[in-house]
Amino acid sequence: MTATVGFQLTRLHLASRRAAYCLLLIVACAVALRIALHWITGTGTASLELPLVIEAGVSAAIGVTTRSPFGESERITGRWLPFLRLGTALALTAASIGVLAAGSASAHLFDGTLGMLRDTGGFIGISLLTAALVGGTLAWTGPLAYLAITVPTLTKAWTTPWLWADRPPHDRGAAICAAIVFIAGITAITIRGARDPRHE
């Protein structure tokens, strides 16, 4: 595959996944995070919950981009498809972490950049796993469900590392659990892709 063909294929893949819209949403979430952190002070519940809500929103947007508008025909004809899926997921993940880190720079982010990195990676892993199981259109349900479970535990000091968002930013077990979920999500979406609805 020549460089020109590869560039064209990558461009078409990103366009079909609406990656540009996803990037705009990520930037909007970072701006919202920056504004919120400017007004939120202290270590209250809002300073814990709001970053998680924004991270879940970003991961949901990334999960939705895994949906293929071409269905089964794309799976049959695209031998480069796993590489395109992997590249897209990793690029959007890196962009989301970079943009959110920039949005929270010089502001008081309760768990710091390390906690944000762990939580965002874990949320994205959940979103990608959900896309592989039930489809890209419903990928947002996974992060939302995890958020619904996690938010009530923020002030209860639970010790399970699987609720990584409730753990301190330097908790190694929580970081490992979030990394496992992220790797599982990336692997599933690379190998299998998002589950297509039957009518596609």
N, C-alpha and C. Protein backbone atom coordinates (compact mmCIF):
# COMPACT_ATOMS: atom_id res chain seq x y z
N MET A 1 0.85 -1.20 0.00
CA MET A 1 0.00 0.00 0.00
C MET A 1 0.89 1.25 0.00
N THR A 2 0.75 2.09 -1.02
CA THR A 2 1.56 3.30 -1.12
C THR A 2 1.12 4.31 -0.07
N ALA A 3 1.98 5.31 0.13
CA ALA A 3 1.68 6.34 1.13
C ALA A 3 0.41 7.11 0.77
N THR A 4 0.23 7.38 -0.53
CA THR A 4 -0.95 8.14 -0.97
C THR A 4 -2.22 7.35 -0.71
N VAL A 5 -2.20 6.06 -1.06
CA VAL A 5 -3.36 5.21 -0.82
C VAL A 5 -3.63 5.08 0.67
N GLY A 6 -2.56 4.92 1.44
CA GLY A 6 -2.72 4.81 2.89
C GLY A 6 -3.31 6.06 3.50
N PHE A 7 -2.85 7.22 3.05
CA PHE A 7 -3.40 8.48 3.54
C PHE A 7 -4.88 8.61 3.19
N GLN A 8 -5.21 8.26 1.94
CA GLN A 8 -6.59 8.36 1.49
C GLN A 8 -7.50 7.41 2.28
N LEU A 9 -7.01 6.19 2.51
CA LEU A 9 -7.79 5.21 3.26
C LEU A 9 -8.01 5.67 4.70
N THR A 10 -6.95 6.22 5.30
CA THR A 10 -7.07 6.73 6.66
C THR A 10 -8.05 7.90 6.73
N ARG A 11 -7.97 8.79 5.76
CA ARG A 11 -8.87 9.94 5.73
C ARG A 11 -10.33 9.51 5.60
N LEU A 12 -10.57 8.55 4.71
CA LEU A 12 -11.94 8.06 4.53
C LEU A 12 -12.46 7.34 5.77
N HIS A 13 -11.57 6.58 6.41
CA HIS A 13 -11.97 5.88 7.64
C HIS A 13 -12.35 6.88 8.74
N LEU A 14 -11.52 7.90 8.92
CA LEU A 14 -11.80 8.91 9.94
C LEU A 14 -13.08 9.68 9.63
N ALA A 15 -13.29 9.96 8.35
CA ALA A 15 -14.52 10.67 7.96
C ALA A 15 -15.75 9.81 8.20
N SER A 16 -15.66 8.51 7.92
CA SER A 16 -16.81 7.62 8.11
C SER A 16 -17.13 7.45 9.59
N ARG A 17 -16.14 7.61 10.45
CA ARG A 17 -16.35 7.49 11.90
C ARG A 17 -16.67 8.84 12.55
N ARG A 18 -16.68 9.89 11.76
CA ARG A 18 -16.96 11.24 12.25
C ARG A 18 -15.99 11.64 13.37
N ALA A 19 -14.72 11.35 13.12
CA ALA A 19 -13.69 11.65 14.11
C ALA A 19 -13.55 13.15 14.36
N ALA A 20 -13.78 13.97 13.33
CA ALA A 20 -13.66 15.42 13.49
C ALA A 20 -14.70 15.94 14.48
N TYR A 21 -15.91 15.41 14.40
CA TYR A 21 -16.96 15.82 15.35
C TYR A 21 -16.60 15.38 16.77
N CYS A 22 -15.99 14.20 16.87
CA CYS A 22 -15.55 13.72 18.18
C CYS A 22 -14.50 14.64 18.77
N LEU A 23 -13.55 15.09 17.93
CA LEU A 23 -12.52 16.01 18.41
C LEU A 23 -13.11 17.34 18.87
N LEU A 24 -14.11 17.83 18.14
CA LEU A 24 -14.77 19.06 18.55
C LEU A 24 -15.46 18.90 19.90
N LEU A 25 -16.08 17.75 20.10
CA LEU A 25 -16.75 17.48 21.38
C LEU A 25 -15.73 17.38 22.51
N ILE A 26 -14.58 16.76 22.22
CA ILE A 26 -13.53 16.66 23.24
C ILE A 26 -13.04 18.05 23.64
N VAL A 27 -12.82 18.92 22.66
CA VAL A 27 -12.39 20.29 22.95
C VAL A 27 -13.46 21.02 23.76
N ALA A 28 -14.73 20.84 23.39
CA ALA A 28 -15.82 21.49 24.14
C ALA A 28 -15.84 21.00 25.59
N CYS A 29 -15.60 19.71 25.80
CA CYS A 29 -15.56 19.16 27.16
C CYS A 29 -14.39 19.75 27.94
N ALA A 30 -13.25 19.92 27.29
CA ALA A 30 -12.08 20.51 27.95
C ALA A 30 -12.36 21.96 28.35
N VAL A 31 -13.03 22.69 27.48
CA VAL A 31 -13.39 24.07 27.80
C VAL A 31 -14.36 24.10 28.99
N ALA A 32 -15.34 23.19 28.96
CA ALA A 32 -16.29 23.11 30.08
C ALA A 32 -15.57 22.76 31.38
N LEU A 33 -14.59 21.86 31.31
CA LEU A 33 -13.81 21.50 32.49
C LEU A 33 -13.04 22.69 33.02
N ARG A 34 -12.43 23.45 32.12
CA ARG A 34 -11.65 24.63 32.54
C ARG A 34 -12.53 25.67 33.22
N ILE A 35 -13.71 25.92 32.64
CA ILE A 35 -14.63 26.89 33.24
C ILE A 35 -15.11 26.41 34.59
N ALA A 36 -15.45 25.11 34.67
CA ALA A 36 -15.95 24.56 35.93
C ALA A 36 -14.89 24.62 37.02
N LEU A 37 -13.65 24.27 36.67
CA LEU A 37 -12.58 24.28 37.68
C LEU A 37 -12.28 25.69 38.16
N HIS A 38 -12.57 26.67 37.33
CA HIS A 38 -12.36 28.06 37.74
C HIS A 38 -13.34 28.45 38.86
N TRP A 39 -14.54 27.91 38.80
CA TRP A 39 -15.58 28.29 39.77
C TRP A 39 -15.68 27.35 40.95
N ILE A 40 -15.21 26.11 40.79
CA ILE A 40 -15.29 25.15 41.89
C ILE A 40 -14.03 25.26 42.74
N THR A 41 -14.21 25.44 44.01
CA THR A 41 -13.08 25.51 44.93
C THR A 41 -13.24 24.47 46.03
N GLY A 42 -12.14 24.14 46.67
CA GLY A 42 -12.20 23.21 47.78
C GLY A 42 -12.20 21.76 47.32
N THR A 43 -12.57 20.87 48.24
CA THR A 43 -12.57 19.43 47.97
C THR A 43 -13.96 18.85 48.16
N GLY A 44 -14.97 19.60 47.79
CA GLY A 44 -16.34 19.14 47.94
C GLY A 44 -16.70 18.09 46.91
N THR A 45 -17.94 17.63 46.98
CA THR A 45 -18.41 16.60 46.07
C THR A 45 -18.35 17.03 44.62
N ALA A 46 -18.66 18.30 44.35
CA ALA A 46 -18.65 18.78 42.96
C ALA A 46 -17.26 18.68 42.35
N SER A 47 -16.22 18.95 43.13
CA SER A 47 -14.86 18.88 42.59
C SER A 47 -14.45 17.45 42.26
N LEU A 48 -15.14 16.47 42.84
CA LEU A 48 -14.89 15.07 42.52
C LEU A 48 -15.74 14.59 41.35
N GLU A 49 -17.01 14.99 41.35
CA GLU A 49 -17.96 14.46 40.39
C GLU A 49 -17.83 15.06 38.99
N LEU A 50 -17.64 16.37 38.92
CA LEU A 50 -17.67 17.04 37.62
C LEU A 50 -16.60 16.54 36.66
N PRO A 51 -15.34 16.41 37.10
CA PRO A 51 -14.35 15.86 36.17
C PRO A 51 -14.71 14.46 35.67
N LEU A 52 -15.30 13.64 36.55
CA LEU A 52 -15.70 12.30 36.13
C LEU A 52 -16.80 12.34 35.07
N VAL A 53 -17.74 13.25 35.25
CA VAL A 53 -18.83 13.38 34.27
C VAL A 53 -18.26 13.78 32.91
N ILE A 54 -17.32 14.71 32.91
CA ILE A 54 -16.72 15.16 31.65
C ILE A 54 -15.88 14.05 31.03
N GLU A 55 -15.13 13.32 31.84
CA GLU A 55 -14.33 12.20 31.32
C GLU A 55 -15.23 11.11 30.74
N ALA A 56 -16.35 10.85 31.40
CA ALA A 56 -17.30 9.87 30.87
C ALA A 56 -17.90 10.34 29.55
N GLY A 57 -18.17 11.63 29.44
CA GLY A 57 -18.70 12.18 28.20
C GLY A 57 -17.72 12.04 27.04
N VAL A 58 -16.46 12.34 27.32
CA VAL A 58 -15.42 12.20 26.30
C VAL A 58 -15.30 10.75 25.85
N SER A 59 -15.28 9.83 26.80
CA SER A 59 -15.14 8.41 26.45
C SER A 59 -16.35 7.91 25.68
N ALA A 60 -17.53 8.41 26.02
CA ALA A 60 -18.73 8.01 25.28
C ALA A 60 -18.64 8.46 23.83
N ALA A 61 -18.14 9.67 23.60
CA ALA A 61 -17.98 10.17 22.23
C ALA A 61 -17.00 9.31 21.45
N ILE A 62 -15.92 8.90 22.09
CA ILE A 62 -14.94 8.04 21.41
C ILE A 62 -15.55 6.69 21.09
N GLY A 63 -16.33 6.15 22.00
CA GLY A 63 -16.98 4.87 21.75
C GLY A 63 -17.94 4.91 20.58
N VAL A 64 -18.68 6.00 20.46
CA VAL A 64 -19.66 6.13 19.37
C VAL A 64 -18.96 6.19 18.01
N THR A 65 -17.73 6.70 17.96
CA THR A 65 -17.02 6.78 16.68
C THR A 65 -16.64 5.40 16.14
N THR A 66 -16.76 4.37 16.94
CA THR A 66 -16.41 3.02 16.46
C THR A 66 -17.48 2.44 15.54
N ARG A 67 -18.65 3.05 15.50
CA ARG A 67 -19.75 2.52 14.68
C ARG A 67 -19.40 2.64 13.20
N SER A 68 -19.58 1.55 12.49
CA SER A 68 -19.34 1.55 11.04
C SER A 68 -20.65 1.83 10.31
N PRO A 69 -20.64 2.80 9.39
CA PRO A 69 -21.85 3.05 8.60
C PRO A 69 -22.04 2.06 7.47
N PHE A 70 -21.05 1.15 7.26
CA PHE A 70 -21.09 0.24 6.12
C PHE A 70 -21.44 -1.20 6.51
N GLY A 71 -21.43 -1.50 7.80
CA GLY A 71 -21.83 -2.82 8.25
C GLY A 71 -20.88 -3.92 7.83
N GLU A 72 -21.46 -5.09 7.54
CA GLU A 72 -20.68 -6.29 7.27
C GLU A 72 -19.82 -6.17 6.02
N SER A 73 -20.24 -5.39 5.05
CA SER A 73 -19.46 -5.26 3.81
C SER A 73 -18.07 -4.70 4.08
N GLU A 74 -17.95 -3.82 5.06
CA GLU A 74 -16.65 -3.26 5.40
C GLU A 74 -15.75 -4.33 6.00
N ARG A 75 -16.32 -5.22 6.81
CA ARG A 75 -15.52 -6.28 7.43
C ARG A 75 -14.93 -7.22 6.38
N ILE A 76 -15.70 -7.49 5.33
CA ILE A 76 -15.28 -8.45 4.32
C ILE A 76 -14.18 -7.87 3.43
N THR A 77 -14.28 -6.60 3.10
CA THR A 77 -13.37 -6.02 2.11
C THR A 77 -12.15 -5.31 2.71
N GLY A 78 -12.15 -5.04 3.99
CA GLY A 78 -11.09 -4.21 4.55
C GLY A 78 -10.06 -4.97 5.35
N ARG A 79 -8.94 -5.36 4.71
CA ARG A 79 -7.90 -6.08 5.46
C ARG A 79 -7.10 -5.14 6.35
N TRP A 80 -7.14 -3.83 6.04
CA TRP A 80 -6.44 -2.86 6.87
C TRP A 80 -7.32 -2.34 8.00
N LEU A 81 -8.54 -2.83 8.06
CA LEU A 81 -9.51 -2.32 9.02
C LEU A 81 -9.05 -2.41 10.48
N PRO A 82 -8.49 -3.54 10.93
CA PRO A 82 -8.04 -3.58 12.34
C PRO A 82 -7.00 -2.51 12.67
N PHE A 83 -6.10 -2.23 11.73
CA PHE A 83 -5.08 -1.21 11.96
C PHE A 83 -5.71 0.19 12.02
N LEU A 84 -6.70 0.41 11.16
CA LEU A 84 -7.40 1.70 11.17
C LEU A 84 -8.19 1.89 12.47
N ARG A 85 -8.83 0.82 12.92
CA ARG A 85 -9.56 0.89 14.20
C ARG A 85 -8.61 1.21 15.34
N LEU A 86 -7.50 0.48 15.40
CA LEU A 86 -6.52 0.70 16.46
C LEU A 86 -5.97 2.11 16.42
N GLY A 87 -5.56 2.56 15.24
CA GLY A 87 -5.00 3.91 15.12
C GLY A 87 -5.99 4.99 15.51
N THR A 88 -7.25 4.83 15.09
CA THR A 88 -8.27 5.82 15.42
C THR A 88 -8.52 5.87 16.92
N ALA A 89 -8.67 4.70 17.54
CA ALA A 89 -8.93 4.65 18.98
C ALA A 89 -7.78 5.25 19.78
N LEU A 90 -6.55 4.90 19.39
CA LEU A 90 -5.39 5.43 20.12
C LEU A 90 -5.22 6.93 19.91
N ALA A 91 -5.45 7.39 18.67
CA ALA A 91 -5.31 8.82 18.39
C ALA A 91 -6.35 9.64 19.15
N LEU A 92 -7.59 9.17 19.18
CA LEU A 92 -8.63 9.90 19.91
C LEU A 92 -8.39 9.85 21.42
N THR A 93 -7.86 8.73 21.90
CA THR A 93 -7.51 8.62 23.32
C THR A 93 -6.42 9.62 23.68
N ALA A 94 -5.35 9.65 22.88
CA ALA A 94 -4.26 10.59 23.13
C ALA A 94 -4.75 12.03 23.06
N ALA A 95 -5.60 12.32 22.07
CA ALA A 95 -6.13 13.68 21.94
C ALA A 95 -6.97 14.06 23.15
N SER A 96 -7.81 13.14 23.61
CA SER A 96 -8.67 13.46 24.75
C SER A 96 -7.86 13.70 26.01
N ILE A 97 -6.85 12.88 26.25
CA ILE A 97 -6.02 13.06 27.45
C ILE A 97 -5.23 14.36 27.35
N GLY A 98 -4.67 14.64 26.18
CA GLY A 98 -3.91 15.87 26.01
C GLY A 98 -4.76 17.11 26.15
N VAL A 99 -5.95 17.10 25.53
CA VAL A 99 -6.82 18.27 25.58
C VAL A 99 -7.39 18.48 26.98
N LEU A 100 -7.78 17.39 27.64
CA LEU A 100 -8.29 17.53 29.02
C LEU A 100 -7.19 18.00 29.97
N ALA A 101 -5.97 17.51 29.77
CA ALA A 101 -4.86 17.97 30.60
C ALA A 101 -4.60 19.46 30.38
N ALA A 102 -4.69 19.90 29.12
CA ALA A 102 -4.52 21.32 28.82
C ALA A 102 -5.66 22.14 29.43
N GLY A 103 -6.88 21.59 29.39
CA GLY A 103 -8.02 22.30 29.95
C GLY A 103 -7.95 22.43 31.46
N SER A 104 -7.28 21.50 32.11
CA SER A 104 -7.18 21.56 33.57
C SER A 104 -5.87 22.17 34.05
N ALA A 105 -5.01 22.59 33.12
CA ALA A 105 -3.72 23.17 33.50
C ALA A 105 -3.93 24.43 34.32
N SER A 106 -3.10 24.60 35.31
CA SER A 106 -3.11 25.76 36.22
C SER A 106 -4.43 25.91 36.96
N ALA A 107 -5.22 24.84 37.01
CA ALA A 107 -6.47 24.85 37.78
C ALA A 107 -6.39 23.74 38.82
N HIS A 108 -7.30 23.78 39.77
CA HIS A 108 -7.27 22.78 40.84
C HIS A 108 -8.09 21.57 40.44
N LEU A 109 -7.41 20.57 39.87
CA LEU A 109 -8.04 19.29 39.57
C LEU A 109 -7.78 18.38 40.76
N PHE A 110 -8.84 17.93 41.41
CA PHE A 110 -8.72 17.26 42.71
C PHE A 110 -7.75 16.08 42.68
N ASP A 111 -7.88 15.20 41.69
CA ASP A 111 -7.01 14.03 41.61
C ASP A 111 -5.75 14.27 40.79
N GLY A 112 -5.59 15.47 40.28
CA GLY A 112 -4.41 15.80 39.49
C GLY A 112 -4.44 15.16 38.12
N THR A 113 -3.40 15.41 37.35
CA THR A 113 -3.31 14.89 35.99
C THR A 113 -3.20 13.38 35.98
N LEU A 114 -2.51 12.81 36.96
CA LEU A 114 -2.35 11.35 37.00
C LEU A 114 -3.69 10.66 37.19
N GLY A 115 -4.51 11.19 38.10
CA GLY A 115 -5.83 10.62 38.31
C GLY A 115 -6.71 10.78 37.09
N MET A 116 -6.60 11.93 36.42
CA MET A 116 -7.38 12.17 35.21
C MET A 116 -6.98 11.20 34.10
N LEU A 117 -5.69 10.95 33.96
CA LEU A 117 -5.20 10.00 32.97
C LEU A 117 -5.76 8.60 33.23
N ARG A 118 -5.70 8.17 34.48
CA ARG A 118 -6.20 6.84 34.84
C ARG A 118 -7.71 6.73 34.60
N ASP A 119 -8.46 7.73 35.08
CA ASP A 119 -9.92 7.67 34.97
C ASP A 119 -10.38 7.74 33.51
N THR A 120 -9.77 8.62 32.73
CA THR A 120 -10.16 8.75 31.33
C THR A 120 -9.85 7.48 30.56
N GLY A 121 -8.67 6.91 30.80
CA GLY A 121 -8.31 5.65 30.13
C GLY A 121 -9.27 4.53 30.48
N GLY A 122 -9.63 4.44 31.75
CA GLY A 122 -10.58 3.41 32.17
C GLY A 122 -11.95 3.60 31.54
N PHE A 123 -12.43 4.84 31.53
CA PHE A 123 -13.72 5.12 30.90
C PHE A 123 -13.72 4.78 29.41
N ILE A 124 -12.63 5.12 28.72
CA ILE A 124 -12.54 4.82 27.29
C ILE A 124 -12.54 3.31 27.07
N GLY A 125 -11.83 2.58 27.92
CA GLY A 125 -11.85 1.11 27.83
C GLY A 125 -13.25 0.55 27.97
N ILE A 126 -14.01 1.08 28.93
CA ILE A 126 -15.40 0.63 29.11
C ILE A 126 -16.23 0.95 27.88
N SER A 127 -16.05 2.14 27.33
CA SER A 127 -16.80 2.54 26.15
C SER A 127 -16.49 1.65 24.96
N LEU A 128 -15.22 1.31 24.75
CA LEU A 128 -14.84 0.45 23.63
C LEU A 128 -15.34 -0.97 23.82
N LEU A 129 -15.30 -1.48 25.05
CA LEU A 129 -15.84 -2.81 25.32
C LEU A 129 -17.34 -2.84 25.07
N THR A 130 -18.03 -1.79 25.49
CA THR A 130 -19.47 -1.71 25.25
C THR A 130 -19.78 -1.69 23.76
N ALA A 131 -18.98 -0.94 23.00
CA ALA A 131 -19.17 -0.90 21.55
C ALA A 131 -18.99 -2.28 20.93
N ALA A 132 -18.00 -3.03 21.39
CA ALA A 132 -17.75 -4.37 20.85
C ALA A 132 -18.88 -5.33 21.22
N LEU A 133 -19.53 -5.10 22.36
CA LEU A 133 -20.57 -6.02 22.81
C LEU A 133 -21.96 -5.67 22.27
N VAL A 134 -22.31 -4.39 22.27
CA VAL A 134 -23.69 -4.01 21.91
C VAL A 134 -23.76 -3.04 20.74
N GLY A 135 -22.63 -2.58 20.23
CA GLY A 135 -22.63 -1.68 19.08
C GLY A 135 -22.17 -0.28 19.42
N GLY A 136 -21.60 0.39 18.42
CA GLY A 136 -21.08 1.73 18.62
C GLY A 136 -22.15 2.74 18.98
N THR A 137 -23.36 2.55 18.47
CA THR A 137 -24.44 3.49 18.75
C THR A 137 -24.77 3.53 20.24
N LEU A 138 -24.60 2.40 20.92
CA LEU A 138 -24.91 2.31 22.35
C LEU A 138 -23.65 2.31 23.22
N ALA A 139 -22.52 2.69 22.66
CA ALA A 139 -21.26 2.67 23.42
C ALA A 139 -21.30 3.59 24.62
N TRP A 140 -22.13 4.63 24.57
CA TRP A 140 -22.21 5.59 25.68
C TRP A 140 -22.82 4.98 26.95
N THR A 141 -23.54 3.86 26.80
CA THR A 141 -24.22 3.29 27.97
C THR A 141 -23.23 2.71 28.99
N GLY A 142 -22.09 2.20 28.52
CA GLY A 142 -21.11 1.62 29.43
C GLY A 142 -20.51 2.65 30.39
N PRO A 143 -19.93 3.76 29.85
CA PRO A 143 -19.41 4.79 30.75
C PRO A 143 -20.48 5.38 31.66
N LEU A 144 -21.70 5.54 31.14
CA LEU A 144 -22.77 6.10 31.96
C LEU A 144 -23.12 5.17 33.11
N ALA A 145 -23.17 3.86 32.85
CA ALA A 145 -23.46 2.90 33.90
C ALA A 145 -22.35 2.89 34.96
N TYR A 146 -21.09 2.91 34.49
CA TYR A 146 -19.97 2.94 35.44
C TYR A 146 -19.99 4.22 36.27
N LEU A 147 -20.32 5.33 35.62
CA LEU A 147 -20.42 6.60 36.34
C LEU A 147 -21.52 6.55 37.40
N ALA A 148 -22.65 5.93 37.05
CA ALA A 148 -23.76 5.82 38.00
C ALA A 148 -23.38 4.97 39.21
N ILE A 149 -22.52 3.98 38.99
CA ILE A 149 -22.05 3.15 40.11
C ILE A 149 -21.00 3.87 40.93
N THR A 150 -20.13 4.62 40.26
CA THR A 150 -18.98 5.23 40.92
C THR A 150 -19.32 6.46 41.74
N VAL A 151 -20.15 7.34 41.20
CA VAL A 151 -20.42 8.63 41.86
C VAL A 151 -20.93 8.46 43.29
N PRO A 152 -21.88 7.54 43.57
CA PRO A 152 -22.33 7.41 44.96
C PRO A 152 -21.25 6.91 45.92
N THR A 153 -20.18 6.30 45.39
CA THR A 153 -19.13 5.75 46.27
C THR A 153 -18.00 6.73 46.54
N LEU A 154 -18.05 7.92 45.92
CA LEU A 154 -16.92 8.84 46.02
C LEU A 154 -16.61 9.26 47.45
N THR A 155 -17.62 9.36 48.26
CA THR A 155 -17.41 9.81 49.65
C THR A 155 -17.44 8.66 50.64
N LYS A 156 -17.45 7.43 50.16
CA LYS A 156 -17.55 6.28 51.05
C LYS A 156 -16.22 5.56 51.27
N ALA A 157 -15.16 5.98 50.59
CA ALA A 157 -13.81 5.43 50.76
C ALA A 157 -13.79 3.92 50.56
N TRP A 158 -14.38 3.45 49.49
CA TRP A 158 -14.31 2.03 49.16
C TRP A 158 -12.87 1.68 48.79
N THR A 159 -12.52 0.42 49.01
CA THR A 159 -11.13 0.02 48.78
C THR A 159 -10.93 -0.83 47.53
N THR A 160 -11.99 -1.23 46.85
CA THR A 160 -11.82 -2.06 45.66
C THR A 160 -11.19 -1.25 44.53
N PRO A 161 -10.13 -1.77 43.93
CA PRO A 161 -9.46 -1.03 42.84
C PRO A 161 -10.30 -0.96 41.57
N TRP A 162 -11.34 -1.78 41.45
CA TRP A 162 -12.18 -1.74 40.25
C TRP A 162 -13.03 -0.49 40.21
N LEU A 163 -13.23 0.15 41.34
CA LEU A 163 -13.84 1.48 41.36
C LEU A 163 -12.70 2.49 41.40
N TRP A 164 -11.89 2.51 40.33
CA TRP A 164 -10.65 3.28 40.33
C TRP A 164 -10.89 4.77 40.50
N ALA A 165 -12.02 5.27 40.07
CA ALA A 165 -12.28 6.71 40.20
C ALA A 165 -12.42 7.13 41.66
N ASP A 166 -12.68 6.18 42.55
CA ASP A 166 -12.84 6.46 43.97
C ASP A 166 -11.52 6.34 44.73
N ARG A 167 -10.48 5.92 44.05
CA ARG A 167 -9.20 5.69 44.70
C ARG A 167 -8.27 6.89 44.52
N PRO A 168 -7.29 7.07 45.40
CA PRO A 168 -6.31 8.17 45.26
C PRO A 168 -5.53 8.03 43.95
N PRO A 169 -5.02 9.13 43.42
CA PRO A 169 -4.35 9.08 42.11
C PRO A 169 -3.12 8.18 42.06
N HIS A 170 -2.47 7.93 43.20
CA HIS A 170 -1.26 7.10 43.21
C HIS A 170 -1.54 5.65 43.60
N ASP A 171 -2.82 5.26 43.62
CA ASP A 171 -3.18 3.88 43.96
C ASP A 171 -2.80 2.96 42.80
N ARG A 172 -1.83 2.09 43.04
CA ARG A 172 -1.32 1.23 41.96
C ARG A 172 -2.37 0.23 41.50
N GLY A 173 -3.11 -0.36 42.43
CA GLY A 173 -4.13 -1.33 42.05
C GLY A 173 -5.20 -0.72 41.17
N ALA A 174 -5.63 0.49 41.49
CA ALA A 174 -6.64 1.17 40.68
C ALA A 174 -6.10 1.47 39.29
N ALA A 175 -4.84 1.89 39.21
CA ALA A 175 -4.23 2.16 37.90
C ALA A 175 -4.13 0.90 37.07
N ILE A 176 -3.80 -0.22 37.70
CA ILE A 176 -3.70 -1.49 36.98
C ILE A 176 -5.07 -1.92 36.45
N CYS A 177 -6.10 -1.79 37.29
CA CYS A 177 -7.45 -2.17 36.87
C CYS A 177 -7.92 -1.31 35.69
N ALA A 178 -7.69 0.00 35.77
CA ALA A 178 -8.08 0.89 34.67
C ALA A 178 -7.31 0.54 33.41
N ALA A 179 -6.01 0.22 33.55
CA ALA A 179 -5.19 -0.15 32.39
C ALA A 179 -5.67 -1.46 31.78
N ILE A 180 -6.07 -2.42 32.60
CA ILE A 180 -6.58 -3.70 32.09
C ILE A 180 -7.84 -3.47 31.27
N VAL A 181 -8.74 -2.64 31.79
CA VAL A 181 -9.98 -2.36 31.07
C VAL A 181 -9.69 -1.64 29.76
N PHE A 182 -8.75 -0.69 29.79
CA PHE A 182 -8.40 0.04 28.57
C PHE A 182 -7.81 -0.89 27.52
N ILE A 183 -6.87 -1.74 27.93
CA ILE A 183 -6.24 -2.68 27.00
C ILE A 183 -7.27 -3.66 26.44
N ALA A 184 -8.18 -4.13 27.30
CA ALA A 184 -9.23 -5.04 26.83
C ALA A 184 -10.12 -4.34 25.81
N GLY A 185 -10.47 -3.08 26.05
CA GLY A 185 -11.30 -2.35 25.12
C GLY A 185 -10.61 -2.11 23.79
N ILE A 186 -9.35 -1.70 23.83
CA ILE A 186 -8.58 -1.47 22.60
C ILE A 186 -8.44 -2.77 21.81
N THR A 187 -8.17 -3.86 22.51
CA THR A 187 -8.02 -5.16 21.85
C THR A 187 -9.32 -5.59 21.18
N ALA A 188 -10.43 -5.47 21.92
CA ALA A 188 -11.72 -5.91 21.39
C ALA A 188 -12.12 -5.09 20.17
N ILE A 189 -11.92 -3.78 20.24
CA ILE A 189 -12.36 -2.94 19.12
C ILE A 189 -11.43 -3.10 17.92
N THR A 190 -10.17 -3.42 18.16
CA THR A 190 -9.23 -3.64 17.06
C THR A 190 -9.53 -4.93 16.33
N ILE A 191 -9.72 -6.00 17.07
CA ILE A 191 -9.92 -7.31 16.46
C ILE A 191 -11.33 -7.48 15.90
N ARG A 192 -12.31 -7.11 16.71
CA ARG A 192 -13.69 -7.37 16.31
C ARG A 192 -14.41 -6.16 15.75
N GLY A 193 -14.10 -4.99 16.25
CA GLY A 193 -14.83 -3.80 15.87
C GLY A 193 -16.13 -3.70 16.63
N ALA A 194 -16.87 -2.64 16.39
CA ALA A 194 -18.16 -2.46 17.05
C ALA A 194 -19.16 -3.45 16.47
N ARG A 195 -20.02 -3.95 17.31
CA ARG A 195 -21.04 -4.89 16.86
C ARG A 195 -22.06 -4.16 15.99
N ASP A 196 -22.28 -4.69 14.81
CA ASP A 196 -23.21 -4.04 13.87
C ASP A 196 -24.63 -4.50 14.13
N PRO A 197 -25.59 -3.58 14.03
CA PRO A 197 -27.00 -3.99 14.11
C PRO A 197 -27.33 -4.97 12.99
N ARG A 198 -28.33 -5.80 13.19
CA ARG A 198 -28.66 -6.85 12.22
C ARG A 198 -29.06 -6.29 10.86
N HIS A 199 -29.72 -5.13 10.86
CA HIS A 199 -30.17 -4.59 9.59
C HIS A 199 -29.02 -4.07 8.74
N GLU A 200 -27.81 -3.99 9.33
CA GLU A 200 -26.64 -3.55 8.56
C GLU A 200 -25.79 -4.74 8.12
